C-alpha atoms as a PDB file:
ATOM      1  CA  UNK A   1     -60.814  83.862  21.557  1.00  0.00           C
ATOM      2  CA  UNK A   2     -59.323  82.817  18.226  1.00  0.00           C
ATOM      3  CA  UNK A   3     -61.710  82.091  15.430  1.00  0.00           C
ATOM      4  CA  UNK A   4     -60.815  79.395  12.892  1.00  0.00           C
ATOM      5  CA  UNK A   5     -61.943  80.023   9.363  1.00  0.00           C
ATOM      6  CA  UNK A   6     -63.593  77.438   7.052  1.00  0.00           C
ATOM      7  CA  UNK A   7     -60.436  77.162   4.910  1.00  0.00           C
ATOM      8  CA  UNK A   8     -58.249  76.216   7.900  1.00  0.00           C
ATOM      9  CA  UNK A   9     -60.833  73.696   9.216  1.00  0.00           C
ATOM     10  CA  UNK A  10     -61.107  72.129   5.733  1.00  0.00           C
ATOM     11  CA  UNK A  11     -57.330  71.769   5.410  1.00  0.00           C
ATOM     12  CA  UNK A  12     -57.061  70.141   8.810  1.00  0.00           C
ATOM     13  CA  UNK A  13     -59.855  67.699   7.994  1.00  0.00           C
ATOM     14  CA  UNK A  14     -58.178  66.788   4.665  1.00  0.00           C
ATOM     15  CA  UNK A  15     -54.864  66.152   6.355  1.00  0.00           C
ATOM     16  CA  UNK A  16     -56.499  63.986   9.030  1.00  0.00           C
ATOM     17  CA  UNK A  17     -58.424  61.885   6.468  1.00  0.00           C
ATOM     18  CA  UNK A  18     -55.313  61.574   4.294  1.00  0.00           C
ATOM     19  CA  UNK A  19     -53.263  60.321   7.230  1.00  0.00           C
ATOM     20  CA  UNK A  20     -55.890  57.746   8.156  1.00  0.00           C
ATOM     21  CA  UNK A  21     -56.197  56.539   4.578  1.00  0.00           C
ATOM     22  CA  UNK A  22     -52.496  56.388   3.742  1.00  0.00           C
ATOM     23  CA  UNK A  23     -51.191  55.220   7.096  1.00  0.00           C
ATOM     24  CA  UNK A  24     -52.178  51.504   6.877  1.00  0.00           C
ATOM     25  CA  UNK A  25     -50.991  51.306   3.278  1.00  0.00           C
ATOM     26  CA  UNK A  26     -47.607  52.763   4.172  1.00  0.00           C
ATOM     27  CA  UNK A  27     -47.300  50.468   7.197  1.00  0.00           C
ATOM     28  CA  UNK A  28     -48.136  47.398   5.098  1.00  0.00           C
ATOM     29  CA  UNK A  29     -45.642  48.511   2.462  1.00  0.00           C
ATOM     30  CA  UNK A  30     -42.917  48.742   5.092  1.00  0.00           C
ATOM     31  CA  UNK A  31     -43.664  45.237   6.377  1.00  0.00           C
ATOM     32  CA  UNK A  32     -43.917  43.426   3.037  1.00  0.00           C
ATOM     33  CA  UNK A  33     -41.138  45.267   1.195  1.00  0.00           C
ATOM     34  CA  UNK A  34     -38.062  42.988   0.780  1.00  0.00           C
ATOM     35  CA  UNK A  35     -35.044  44.144   2.678  1.00  0.00           C
ATOM     36  CA  UNK A  36     -31.921  44.729   0.585  1.00  0.00           C
ATOM     37  CA  UNK A  37     -29.477  41.839   0.945  1.00  0.00           C
ATOM     38  CA  UNK A  38     -26.217  42.703   2.575  1.00  0.00           C
ATOM     39  CA  UNK A  39     -23.257  40.639   1.370  1.00  0.00           C
ATOM     40  CA  UNK A  40     -21.126  39.433   4.247  1.00  0.00           C
ATOM     41  CA  UNK A  41     -17.509  40.342   3.725  1.00  0.00           C
ATOM     42  CA  UNK A  42     -14.947  38.079   5.436  1.00  0.00           C
ATOM     43  CA  UNK A  43     -11.666  39.835   6.059  1.00  0.00           C
ATOM     44  CA  UNK A  44      -8.483  37.958   5.258  1.00  0.00           C
ATOM     45  CA  UNK A  45      -4.908  38.965   5.919  1.00  0.00           C
ATOM     46  CA  UNK A  46      -3.248  39.883   2.593  1.00  0.00           C
ATOM     47  CA  UNK A  47       0.152  38.610   3.712  1.00  0.00           C
ATOM     48  CA  UNK A  48      -1.322  35.276   4.778  1.00  0.00           C
ATOM     49  CA  UNK A  49      -3.186  34.804   1.525  1.00  0.00           C
ATOM     50  CA  UNK A  50      -0.074  35.631  -0.518  1.00  0.00           C
ATOM     51  CA  UNK A  51       1.966  33.231   1.604  1.00  0.00           C
ATOM     52  CA  UNK A  52      -0.557  30.411   0.992  1.00  0.00           C
ATOM     53  CA  UNK A  53      -0.248  30.870  -2.784  1.00  0.00           C
ATOM     54  CA  UNK A  54       3.567  30.839  -2.606  1.00  0.00           C
ATOM     55  CA  UNK A  55       3.519  27.728  -0.407  1.00  0.00           C
ATOM     56  CA  UNK A  56       1.338  25.840  -2.924  1.00  0.00           C
ATOM     57  CA  UNK A  57       3.880  26.356  -5.717  1.00  0.00           C
ATOM     58  CA  UNK A  58       6.249  23.581  -6.752  1.00  0.00           C
ATOM     59  CA  UNK A  59       9.193  25.112  -8.604  1.00  0.00           C
ATOM     60  CA  UNK A  60      11.449  23.251 -11.043  1.00  0.00           C
ATOM     61  CA  UNK A  61      14.232  21.216  -9.472  1.00  0.00           C
ATOM     62  CA  UNK A  62      17.706  22.761  -9.641  1.00  0.00           C
ATOM     63  CA  UNK A  63      20.000  20.076 -11.000  1.00  0.00           C
ATOM     64  CA  UNK A  64      23.347  21.885 -10.618  1.00  0.00           C
ATOM     65  CA  UNK A  65      24.577  24.403  -8.073  1.00  0.00           C
ATOM     66  CA  UNK A  66      27.778  26.400  -7.763  1.00  0.00           C
ATOM     67  CA  UNK A  67      30.490  24.703  -5.743  1.00  0.00           C
ATOM     68  CA  UNK A  68      31.787  27.364  -3.380  1.00  0.00           C
ATOM     69  CA  UNK A  69      32.678  27.497   0.290  1.00  0.00           C
ATOM     70  CA  UNK A  70      30.579  29.465   2.737  1.00  0.00           C
ATOM     71  CA  UNK A  71      33.204  32.169   3.184  1.00  0.00           C
ATOM     72  CA  UNK A  72      33.554  32.544  -0.603  1.00  0.00           C
ATOM     73  CA  UNK A  73      29.760  32.865  -0.968  1.00  0.00           C
ATOM     74  CA  UNK A  74      29.540  35.464   1.809  1.00  0.00           C
ATOM     75  CA  UNK A  75      32.298  37.512   0.182  1.00  0.00           C
ATOM     76  CA  UNK A  76      30.712  37.264  -3.260  1.00  0.00           C
ATOM     77  CA  UNK A  77      27.357  38.433  -1.915  1.00  0.00           C
ATOM     78  CA  UNK A  78      29.057  41.429  -0.261  1.00  0.00           C
ATOM     79  CA  UNK A  79      30.870  42.247  -3.508  1.00  0.00           C
ATOM     80  CA  UNK A  80      27.510  42.187  -5.293  1.00  0.00           C
ATOM     81  CA  UNK A  81      26.067  44.545  -2.716  1.00  0.00           C
ATOM     82  CA  UNK A  82      23.359  42.047  -1.651  1.00  0.00           C
ATOM     83  CA  UNK A  83      22.288  41.995   2.001  1.00  0.00           C
ATOM     84  CA  UNK A  84      19.177  41.496   4.147  1.00  0.00           C
ATOM     85  CA  UNK A  85      17.719  44.806   3.034  1.00  0.00           C
ATOM     86  CA  UNK A  86      17.207  43.370  -0.465  1.00  0.00           C
ATOM     87  CA  UNK A  87      14.723  40.700   0.593  1.00  0.00           C
ATOM     88  CA  UNK A  88      11.376  40.856  -1.230  1.00  0.00           C
ATOM     89  CA  UNK A  89       9.194  38.792   1.130  1.00  0.00           C
ATOM     90  CA  UNK A  90       8.984  39.201   4.924  1.00  0.00           C
ATOM     91  CA  UNK A  91       6.710  36.231   5.665  1.00  0.00           C
ATOM     92  CA  UNK A  92       6.483  32.675   4.409  1.00  0.00           C
ATOM     93  CA  UNK A  93       4.203  29.739   5.145  1.00  0.00           C
ATOM     94  CA  UNK A  94       6.255  26.498   5.032  1.00  0.00           C
ATOM     95  CA  UNK A  95       3.508  24.240   3.708  1.00  0.00           C
ATOM     96  CA  UNK A  96       4.951  22.592   0.618  1.00  0.00           C
ATOM     97  CA  UNK A  97       2.907  19.936  -1.288  1.00  0.00           C
ATOM     98  CA  UNK A  98       6.217  17.987  -1.572  1.00  0.00           C
ATOM     99  CA  UNK A  99       6.105  17.252   2.186  1.00  0.00           C
ATOM    100  CA  UNK A 100       2.318  16.885   2.495  1.00  0.00           C
ATOM    101  CA  UNK A 101       2.310  14.224  -0.202  1.00  0.00           C
ATOM    102  CA  UNK A 102       3.983  11.740   2.166  1.00  0.00           C
ATOM    103  CA  UNK A 103       2.824  12.928   5.610  1.00  0.00           C
ATOM    104  CA  UNK A 104       0.523  15.586   7.011  1.00  0.00           C
ATOM    105  CA  UNK A 105       0.565  15.203  10.807  1.00  0.00           C
ATOM    106  CA  UNK A 106       1.405  18.802  11.596  1.00  0.00           C
ATOM    107  CA  UNK A 107       0.275  22.208  10.428  1.00  0.00           C
ATOM    108  CA  UNK A 108       2.567  24.558   8.480  1.00  0.00           C
ATOM    109  CA  UNK A 109       5.264  26.675  10.039  1.00  0.00           C
ATOM    110  CA  UNK A 110       4.728  30.427   9.978  1.00  0.00           C
ATOM    111  CA  UNK A 111       8.211  31.643   9.131  1.00  0.00           C
ATOM    112  CA  UNK A 112       9.058  35.283   9.751  1.00  0.00           C
ATOM    113  CA  UNK A 113      11.707  35.705   7.074  1.00  0.00           C
ATOM    114  CA  UNK A 114      12.425  39.357   7.781  1.00  0.00           C
ATOM    115  CA  UNK A 115      12.894  38.713  11.487  1.00  0.00           C
ATOM    116  CA  UNK A 116      15.347  35.874  10.943  1.00  0.00           C
ATOM    117  CA  UNK A 117      17.265  37.841   8.319  1.00  0.00           C
ATOM    118  CA  UNK A 118      17.522  40.783  10.686  1.00  0.00           C
ATOM    119  CA  UNK A 119      18.870  38.578  13.473  1.00  0.00           C
ATOM    120  CA  UNK A 120      21.405  36.589  11.430  1.00  0.00           C
ATOM    121  CA  UNK A 121      22.409  39.465   9.050  1.00  0.00           C
ATOM    122  CA  UNK A 122      23.767  36.816   6.705  1.00  0.00           C
ATOM    123  CA  UNK A 123      21.857  35.609   3.658  1.00  0.00           C
ATOM    124  CA  UNK A 124      24.413  32.845   2.997  1.00  0.00           C
ATOM    125  CA  UNK A 125      23.561  31.198   6.283  1.00  0.00           C
ATOM    126  CA  UNK A 126      20.378  29.726   4.768  1.00  0.00           C
ATOM    127  CA  UNK A 127      20.904  30.381   1.050  1.00  0.00           C
ATOM    128  CA  UNK A 128      24.158  28.467   1.111  1.00  0.00           C
ATOM    129  CA  UNK A 129      24.264  27.631  -2.627  1.00  0.00           C
ATOM    130  CA  UNK A 130      23.024  29.186  -5.831  1.00  0.00           C
ATOM    131  CA  UNK A 131      22.083  27.563  -9.159  1.00  0.00           C
ATOM    132  CA  UNK A 132      24.715  27.385 -11.876  1.00  0.00           C
ATOM    133  CA  UNK A 133      22.237  29.012 -14.221  1.00  0.00           C
ATOM    134  CA  UNK A 134      23.138  32.703 -14.432  1.00  0.00           C
ATOM    135  CA  UNK A 135      19.531  33.729 -14.987  1.00  0.00           C
ATOM    136  CA  UNK A 136      18.366  32.161 -11.700  1.00  0.00           C
ATOM    137  CA  UNK A 137      17.894  34.157  -8.518  1.00  0.00           C
ATOM    138  CA  UNK A 138      20.929  34.463  -6.293  1.00  0.00           C
ATOM    139  CA  UNK A 139      18.882  33.497  -3.207  1.00  0.00           C
ATOM    140  CA  UNK A 140      16.496  30.869  -4.546  1.00  0.00           C
ATOM    141  CA  UNK A 141      13.954  29.124  -2.330  1.00  0.00           C
ATOM    142  CA  UNK A 142      14.768  25.976  -0.369  1.00  0.00           C
ATOM    143  CA  UNK A 143      12.359  23.778  -2.349  1.00  0.00           C
ATOM    144  CA  UNK A 144      14.254  24.480  -5.565  1.00  0.00           C
ATOM    145  CA  UNK A 145      17.227  22.420  -4.405  1.00  0.00           C
ATOM    146  CA  UNK A 146      15.578  20.203  -1.796  1.00  0.00           C
ATOM    147  CA  UNK A 147      12.532  18.228  -2.866  1.00  0.00           C
ATOM    148  CA  UNK A 148      11.995  14.453  -2.602  1.00  0.00           C
ATOM    149  CA  UNK A 149      14.281  12.572  -0.199  1.00  0.00           C
ATOM    150  CA  UNK A 150      16.716   9.929  -1.455  1.00  0.00           C
ATOM    151  CA  UNK A 151      16.848  11.056  -5.038  1.00  0.00           C
ATOM    152  CA  UNK A 152      18.890   8.537  -7.009  1.00  0.00           C
ATOM    153  CA  UNK A 153      20.610  11.143  -9.159  1.00  0.00           C
ATOM    154  CA  UNK A 154      21.357  13.421  -6.210  1.00  0.00           C
ATOM    155  CA  UNK A 155      22.025  11.268  -3.131  1.00  0.00           C
ATOM    156  CA  UNK A 156      23.877  14.163  -1.499  1.00  0.00           C
ATOM    157  CA  UNK A 157      20.717  16.298  -1.362  1.00  0.00           C
ATOM    158  CA  UNK A 158      18.523  16.250   1.700  1.00  0.00           C
ATOM    159  CA  UNK A 159      14.767  16.060   1.209  1.00  0.00           C
ATOM    160  CA  UNK A 160      12.857  19.262   1.855  1.00  0.00           C
ATOM    161  CA  UNK A 161      11.533  18.182   5.266  1.00  0.00           C
ATOM    162  CA  UNK A 162      15.009  17.117   6.470  1.00  0.00           C
ATOM    163  CA  UNK A 163      16.537  20.303   5.103  1.00  0.00           C
ATOM    164  CA  UNK A 164      14.066  22.477   6.997  1.00  0.00           C
ATOM    165  CA  UNK A 165      14.594  20.584  10.233  1.00  0.00           C
ATOM    166  CA  UNK A 166      18.380  20.451  10.001  1.00  0.00           C
ATOM    167  CA  UNK A 167      18.725  24.126   9.090  1.00  0.00           C
ATOM    168  CA  UNK A 168      16.219  25.507  11.613  1.00  0.00           C
ATOM    169  CA  UNK A 169      16.840  23.214  14.553  1.00  0.00           C
ATOM    170  CA  UNK A 170      20.599  23.250  14.035  1.00  0.00           C
ATOM    171  CA  UNK A 171      20.708  27.033  14.061  1.00  0.00           C
ATOM    172  CA  UNK A 172      18.408  27.243  17.107  1.00  0.00           C
ATOM    173  CA  UNK A 173      20.681  24.848  19.018  1.00  0.00           C
ATOM    174  CA  UNK A 174      23.840  26.673  17.991  1.00  0.00           C
ATOM    175  CA  UNK A 175      22.424  30.056  19.018  1.00  0.00           C
ATOM    176  CA  UNK A 176      20.613  28.626  22.036  1.00  0.00           C
ATOM    177  CA  UNK A 177      17.566  30.552  20.904  1.00  0.00           C
ATOM    178  CA  UNK A 178      14.355  29.256  19.347  1.00  0.00           C
ATOM    179  CA  UNK A 179      12.273  26.083  19.547  1.00  0.00           C
ATOM    180  CA  UNK A 180      13.706  22.653  18.715  1.00  0.00           C
ATOM    181  CA  UNK A 181      10.643  20.464  19.296  1.00  0.00           C
ATOM    182  CA  UNK A 182       7.652  19.742  17.052  1.00  0.00           C
ATOM    183  CA  UNK A 183       5.069  21.777  18.993  1.00  0.00           C
ATOM    184  CA  UNK A 184       7.448  24.717  19.170  1.00  0.00           C
ATOM    185  CA  UNK A 185       7.073  25.394  15.445  1.00  0.00           C
ATOM    186  CA  UNK A 186       3.999  23.423  14.410  1.00  0.00           C
ATOM    187  CA  UNK A 187       0.407  23.089  15.445  1.00  0.00           C
ATOM    188  CA  UNK A 188      -0.782  19.537  15.425  1.00  0.00           C
ATOM    189  CA  UNK A 189      -2.885  18.872  12.353  1.00  0.00           C
ATOM    190  CA  UNK A 190      -6.056  17.222  13.618  1.00  0.00           C
ATOM    191  CA  UNK A 191      -7.767  15.356  10.750  1.00  0.00           C
ATOM    192  CA  UNK A 192     -11.459  15.626  10.017  1.00  0.00           C
ATOM    193  CA  UNK A 193     -13.031  12.685  11.892  1.00  0.00           C
ATOM    194  CA  UNK A 194     -16.351  12.597  10.026  1.00  0.00           C
ATOM    195  CA  UNK A 195     -14.888  10.203   7.453  1.00  0.00           C
ATOM    196  CA  UNK A 196     -13.037   8.106  10.083  1.00  0.00           C
ATOM    197  CA  UNK A 197     -15.743   7.419  12.644  1.00  0.00           C
ATOM    198  CA  UNK A 198     -18.200   4.563  12.135  1.00  0.00           C
ATOM    199  CA  UNK A 199     -21.150   5.051  14.517  1.00  0.00           C
ATOM    200  CA  UNK A 200     -24.870   4.487  14.264  1.00  0.00           C
ATOM    201  CA  UNK A 201     -27.303   7.317  14.918  1.00  0.00           C
ATOM    202  CA  UNK A 202     -27.779   8.172  18.612  1.00  0.00           C
ATOM    203  CA  UNK A 203     -25.049   5.820  19.873  1.00  0.00           C
ATOM    204  CA  UNK A 204     -24.642   4.804  23.495  1.00  0.00           C
ATOM    205  CA  UNK A 205     -21.802   6.447  25.439  1.00  0.00           C
ATOM    206  CA  UNK A 206     -19.937   3.116  25.674  1.00  0.00           C
ATOM    207  CA  UNK A 207     -20.127   2.780  21.872  1.00  0.00           C
ATOM    208  CA  UNK A 208     -18.552   6.225  21.432  1.00  0.00           C
ATOM    209  CA  UNK A 209     -15.742   5.269  23.829  1.00  0.00           C
ATOM    210  CA  UNK A 210     -15.111   1.980  21.979  1.00  0.00           C
ATOM    211  CA  UNK A 211     -14.993   3.763  18.637  1.00  0.00           C
ATOM    212  CA  UNK A 212     -12.432   6.285  19.925  1.00  0.00           C
ATOM    213  CA  UNK A 213     -10.312   3.503  21.376  1.00  0.00           C
ATOM    214  CA  UNK A 214     -10.293   1.719  18.052  1.00  0.00           C
ATOM    215  CA  UNK A 215      -7.641   4.249  16.817  1.00  0.00           C
ATOM    216  CA  UNK A 216      -6.478   5.785  20.112  1.00  0.00           C
ATOM    217  CA  UNK A 217      -5.756   2.667  22.170  1.00  0.00           C
ATOM    218  CA  UNK A 218      -2.529   4.016  23.745  1.00  0.00           C
ATOM    219  CA  UNK A 219      -4.358   7.184  24.855  1.00  0.00           C
ATOM    220  CA  UNK A 220      -6.989   5.031  26.556  1.00  0.00           C
ATOM    221  CA  UNK A 221      -4.344   2.997  28.374  1.00  0.00           C
ATOM    222  CA  UNK A 222      -2.645   6.160  29.577  1.00  0.00           C
ATOM    223  CA  UNK A 223      -5.924   7.509  30.893  1.00  0.00           C
ATOM    224  CA  UNK A 224      -6.536   4.345  32.952  1.00  0.00           C
ATOM    225  CA  UNK A 225      -3.270   5.035  34.778  1.00  0.00           C
ATOM    226  CA  UNK A 226      -4.089   8.660  35.551  1.00  0.00           C
ATOM    227  CA  UNK A 227      -5.020  10.043  38.964  1.00  0.00           C
ATOM    228  CA  UNK A 228      -8.415  11.063  37.556  1.00  0.00           C
ATOM    229  CA  UNK A 229      -9.315   7.465  36.725  1.00  0.00           C
ATOM    230  CA  UNK A 230      -7.774   5.887  39.848  1.00  0.00           C
ATOM    231  CA  UNK A 231      -9.102   8.505  42.277  1.00  0.00           C
ATOM    232  CA  UNK A 232     -10.572   7.189  45.503  1.00  0.00           C
ATOM    233  CA  UNK A 233     -11.888   9.047  48.492  1.00  0.00           C
ATOM    234  CA  UNK A 234     -13.923   8.794  51.677  1.00  0.00           C
ATOM    235  CA  UNK A 235     -17.679   9.281  51.719  1.00  0.00           C
ATOM    236  CA  UNK A 236     -18.396  11.513  54.705  1.00  0.00           C
ATOM    237  CA  UNK A 237     -21.964  12.193  53.600  1.00  0.00           C
ATOM    238  CA  UNK A 238     -23.142   8.584  53.328  1.00  0.00           C
ATOM    239  CA  UNK A 239     -25.677   7.042  55.692  1.00  0.00           C
ATOM    240  CA  UNK A 240     -24.439   7.106  59.313  1.00  0.00           C
ATOM    241  CA  UNK A 241     -21.154   8.604  58.125  1.00  0.00           C
ATOM    242  CA  UNK A 242     -19.480   5.258  57.649  1.00  0.00           C
ATOM    243  CA  UNK A 243     -16.323   6.836  56.175  1.00  0.00           C
ATOM    244  CA  UNK A 244     -16.196   4.167  53.520  1.00  0.00           C
ATOM    245  CA  UNK A 245     -14.234   4.616  50.303  1.00  0.00           C
ATOM    246  CA  UNK A 246     -17.100   4.719  47.856  1.00  0.00           C
ATOM    247  CA  UNK A 247     -16.271   7.644  45.649  1.00  0.00           C
ATOM    248  CA  UNK A 248     -14.040   7.914  42.599  1.00  0.00           C
ATOM    249  CA  UNK A 249     -13.656   6.319  39.213  1.00  0.00           C
ATOM    250  CA  UNK A 250     -11.905   3.302  40.724  1.00  0.00           C
ATOM    251  CA  UNK A 251     -14.911   2.406  42.904  1.00  0.00           C
ATOM    252  CA  UNK A 252     -18.585   3.030  42.176  1.00  0.00           C
ATOM    253  CA  UNK A 253     -18.620   6.174  40.037  1.00  0.00           C
ATOM    254  CA  UNK A 254     -21.742   6.117  37.886  1.00  0.00           C
ATOM    255  CA  UNK A 255     -19.950   7.356  34.742  1.00  0.00           C
ATOM    256  CA  UNK A 256     -17.238   4.705  34.908  1.00  0.00           C
ATOM    257  CA  UNK A 257     -17.755   3.389  31.369  1.00  0.00           C
END
């Protein structure tokens, strides 16, 4: 039998009383203490952010360019030692304010510059001219020479949108490689409809349909000719199995509004 001395018993009693006295206070402190705020960090792709900033720039218009044939330009670039390995940017976002100022139906093109340069192995294929100014870059950007269409002082210059389409689609056709349609390079730019729709609170379904058709009338006409809208079928589970054509949008469908 182990005997417990007065000192040990006193210490145990003190610890027990201290626990009972401090416990509720500590628990309350844990509940009421404000939790440290954690700032949510949203990751963004550095290349994409840099491409957005470059795309937003409008550079000064190049008035005069060197008049040289393509073969002469290719030879001069070789003599200068310039080739696809000297490119500084591998990715561009073709989203110029010059084009968006007149129309904005499609999203920007994500242009892999390094990939195209590696395939063509010819800088002069796209950078077909250079500014007369000796201090300018040898391979300046497209929007330096091509900006607004139908410029009175430079009728020979294509607008930026036409230059992009002619250069890209023409090359894709010639090489029989790459997209040549709108959706092949662009995503459709769907506008924010909150400022376009005029509906009261809690509208009826028919009101929503009418409001959509106010702008999208051709889409509504196409839908009325679709198999989904014109679908008909027998009704084997009707009373006495009459086999009558009572199903489908074209007959008695309850959501045919």
